[in-house]
Amino acid sequence: MQRVIATRPGIEPTDAAPAGLVDDGAMRTEFAFELPRGYVGPDGTVHRRGVMRLATARDELLPLYDARVQENAAYTTVVLLGRVITSLGSLGSIDSSVIENMFASDVAFLQDFYRRVNAEGHTRIAVTCPECSHRFTADLAGGRLGES
């Protein structure tokens, strides 16, 4: 099964490289991320790296018909993230039960990541150093702190 990473007229879709490694002007439809803590699977494996795709209108509408969302509107996030996260570590599939069992800090990270890629179209954040007040941009989709 081939997954489309980026599409643009004249450019063939590819699954050979993770989304975001090359900025060739193509529209990004998938965004790699790394969870701050990681999801601990049933076998004890910690899964941190994943991919989230852009949400469609259907992704945002379908949770409204879910009985769990109708009982508790806060559950919308769980259902929505379960739809748009396409991979997480070596897990075969991601659904709402995976999201339910994530640490709260990872769910908060994914909510912010979702908002950034769907509303702002990128994963960059403005950062100010608390020591020297230097302003710079960091990429949420990049490596863990201290890595280059």
Protein backbone atom coordinates (compact mmCIF):
# COMPACT_ATOMS: atom_id res chain seq x y z
CA MET A 1 0.00 0.00 0.00
CA GLN A 2 1.47 3.34 -1.05
CA ARG A 3 0.77 6.40 1.07
CA VAL A 4 0.76 9.86 -0.48
CA ILE A 5 3.16 12.12 1.37
CA ALA A 6 2.91 15.20 -0.82
CA THR A 7 1.19 16.00 -4.08
CA ARG A 8 1.73 18.62 -6.73
CA PRO A 9 1.26 18.52 -10.49
CA GLY A 10 4.31 16.91 -12.06
CA ILE A 11 5.51 15.29 -8.81
CA GLU A 12 4.91 11.62 -8.16
CA PRO A 13 3.64 10.66 -4.70
CA THR A 14 6.15 8.77 -2.60
CA ASP A 15 6.37 6.91 0.66
CA ALA A 16 10.15 6.68 0.56
CA ALA A 17 10.89 9.71 2.75
CA PRO A 18 9.06 11.04 5.79
CA ALA A 19 6.93 14.13 5.22
CA GLY A 20 8.68 17.42 5.71
CA LEU A 21 12.27 16.41 4.98
CA VAL A 22 12.36 18.29 1.70
CA ASP A 23 10.50 21.54 1.07
CA ASP A 24 10.02 21.49 -2.69
CA GLY A 25 6.86 23.62 -2.64
CA ALA A 26 4.60 20.56 -2.62
CA MET A 27 1.52 20.60 -0.44
CA ARG A 28 2.24 18.61 2.70
CA THR A 29 -0.56 16.25 3.66
CA GLU A 30 1.26 14.31 6.38
CA PHE A 31 3.35 15.55 9.28
CA ALA A 32 5.79 13.50 11.34
CA PHE A 33 5.84 13.99 15.11
CA GLU A 34 7.50 12.63 18.23
CA LEU A 35 5.49 12.35 21.43
CA PRO A 36 7.04 13.89 24.56
CA ARG A 37 6.49 10.72 26.65
CA GLY A 38 5.22 8.05 24.28
CA TYR A 39 2.35 5.59 24.16
CA VAL A 40 3.01 2.38 26.09
CA GLY A 41 1.54 -0.51 24.11
CA PRO A 42 -0.02 -3.64 25.61
CA ASP A 43 3.33 -5.45 25.35
CA GLY A 44 5.20 -2.65 27.15
CA THR A 45 6.77 -1.16 24.01
CA VAL A 46 6.97 2.64 24.04
CA HIS A 47 5.87 4.23 20.75
CA ARG A 48 6.96 7.85 20.21
CA ARG A 49 7.30 8.59 16.49
CA GLY A 50 4.22 8.92 14.37
CA VAL A 51 2.53 10.62 11.45
CA MET A 52 -0.58 12.78 11.41
CA ARG A 53 -2.39 13.61 8.17
CA LEU A 54 -4.36 16.73 7.41
CA ALA A 55 -7.96 16.47 8.57
CA THR A 56 -10.86 16.57 6.16
CA ALA A 57 -14.28 18.06 6.81
CA ARG A 58 -15.52 14.49 7.15
CA ASP A 59 -12.99 13.83 9.91
CA GLU A 60 -14.37 16.75 11.89
CA LEU A 61 -18.03 15.91 11.23
CA LEU A 62 -18.14 12.15 11.85
CA PRO A 63 -17.26 12.34 15.56
CA LEU A 64 -20.44 14.37 16.10
CA TYR A 65 -22.46 11.22 15.30
CA ASP A 66 -20.45 9.06 17.71
CA ALA A 67 -22.46 8.08 20.82
CA ARG A 68 -19.42 8.65 23.07
CA VAL A 69 -19.13 12.23 21.81
CA GLN A 70 -22.87 12.81 22.22
CA GLU A 71 -22.57 11.74 25.87
CA ASN A 72 -19.39 13.74 26.50
CA ALA A 73 -18.25 16.46 24.07
CA ALA A 74 -14.68 16.25 25.41
CA TYR A 75 -14.43 12.83 23.74
CA THR A 76 -14.40 14.57 20.34
CA THR A 77 -10.62 14.98 20.60
CA VAL A 78 -10.12 11.27 21.21
CA VAL A 79 -12.19 10.23 18.19
CA LEU A 80 -10.71 12.91 15.93
CA LEU A 81 -7.09 12.10 16.78
CA GLY A 82 -7.83 8.40 16.28
CA ARG A 83 -8.91 9.24 12.71
CA VAL A 84 -6.01 11.50 11.64
CA ILE A 85 -3.01 9.74 13.19
CA THR A 86 -1.91 7.34 10.47
CA SER A 87 1.00 5.69 12.24
CA LEU A 88 2.56 5.47 15.68
CA GLY A 89 5.70 3.45 16.21
CA SER A 90 5.20 -0.17 15.19
CA LEU A 91 1.46 -0.25 15.94
CA GLY A 92 -0.63 -1.84 13.20
CA SER A 93 -3.53 0.58 13.63
CA ILE A 94 -4.44 3.64 15.63
CA ASP A 95 -7.95 4.23 16.91
CA SER A 96 -9.68 5.93 19.82
CA SER A 97 -8.65 3.18 22.26
CA VAL A 98 -4.98 4.03 21.62
CA ILE A 99 -5.62 7.74 22.21
CA GLU A 100 -7.63 6.94 25.38
CA ASN A 101 -4.61 5.18 26.86
CA MET A 102 -2.04 7.89 26.10
CA PHE A 103 -0.59 10.08 28.80
CA ALA A 104 -2.42 13.41 29.15
CA SER A 105 0.74 15.33 28.20
CA ASP A 106 0.95 13.42 24.89
CA VAL A 107 -2.73 14.07 24.11
CA ALA A 108 -2.20 17.78 24.83
CA PHE A 109 0.82 17.74 22.50
CA LEU A 110 -1.25 16.06 19.76
CA GLN A 111 -4.11 18.54 20.18
CA ASP A 112 -1.70 21.44 19.69
CA PHE A 113 0.02 19.65 16.80
CA TYR A 114 -3.39 19.05 15.14
CA ARG A 115 -4.30 22.72 15.49
CA ARG A 116 -0.99 23.86 14.06
CA VAL A 117 -1.01 21.62 10.98
CA ASN A 118 -4.70 22.11 10.18
CA ALA A 119 -5.20 25.78 11.05
CA GLU A 120 -1.74 27.22 10.45
CA GLY A 121 -0.36 24.77 7.87
CA HIS A 122 2.98 24.23 9.62
CA THR A 123 4.52 22.82 12.80
CA ARG A 124 6.77 25.75 13.74
CA ILE A 125 6.46 27.66 17.01
CA ALA A 126 8.01 30.94 18.12
CA VAL A 127 10.31 30.50 21.11
CA THR A 128 12.13 32.98 23.37
CA CYS A 129 15.15 31.90 25.39
CA PRO A 130 14.46 32.58 29.09
CA GLU A 131 18.17 33.31 29.72
CA CYS A 132 19.09 35.74 26.93
CA SER A 133 15.66 36.65 25.47
CA HIS A 134 16.84 35.57 21.99
CA ARG A 135 13.87 34.78 19.76
CA PHE A 136 13.94 31.89 17.32
CA THR A 137 11.69 29.33 15.67
CA ALA A 138 11.50 25.67 16.64
CA ASP A 139 9.80 22.87 14.71
CA LEU A 140 7.48 20.62 16.72
CA ALA A 141 7.96 17.88 14.16
CA GLY A 142 11.73 17.90 14.65
CA GLY A 143 13.85 15.79 16.97
CA ARG A 144 13.77 15.75 20.72
CA LEU A 145 15.29 18.63 22.69
CA GLY A 146 19.03 18.83 22.31
CA GLU A 147 19.10 16.83 19.08
CA SER A 148 19.99 18.33 15.73
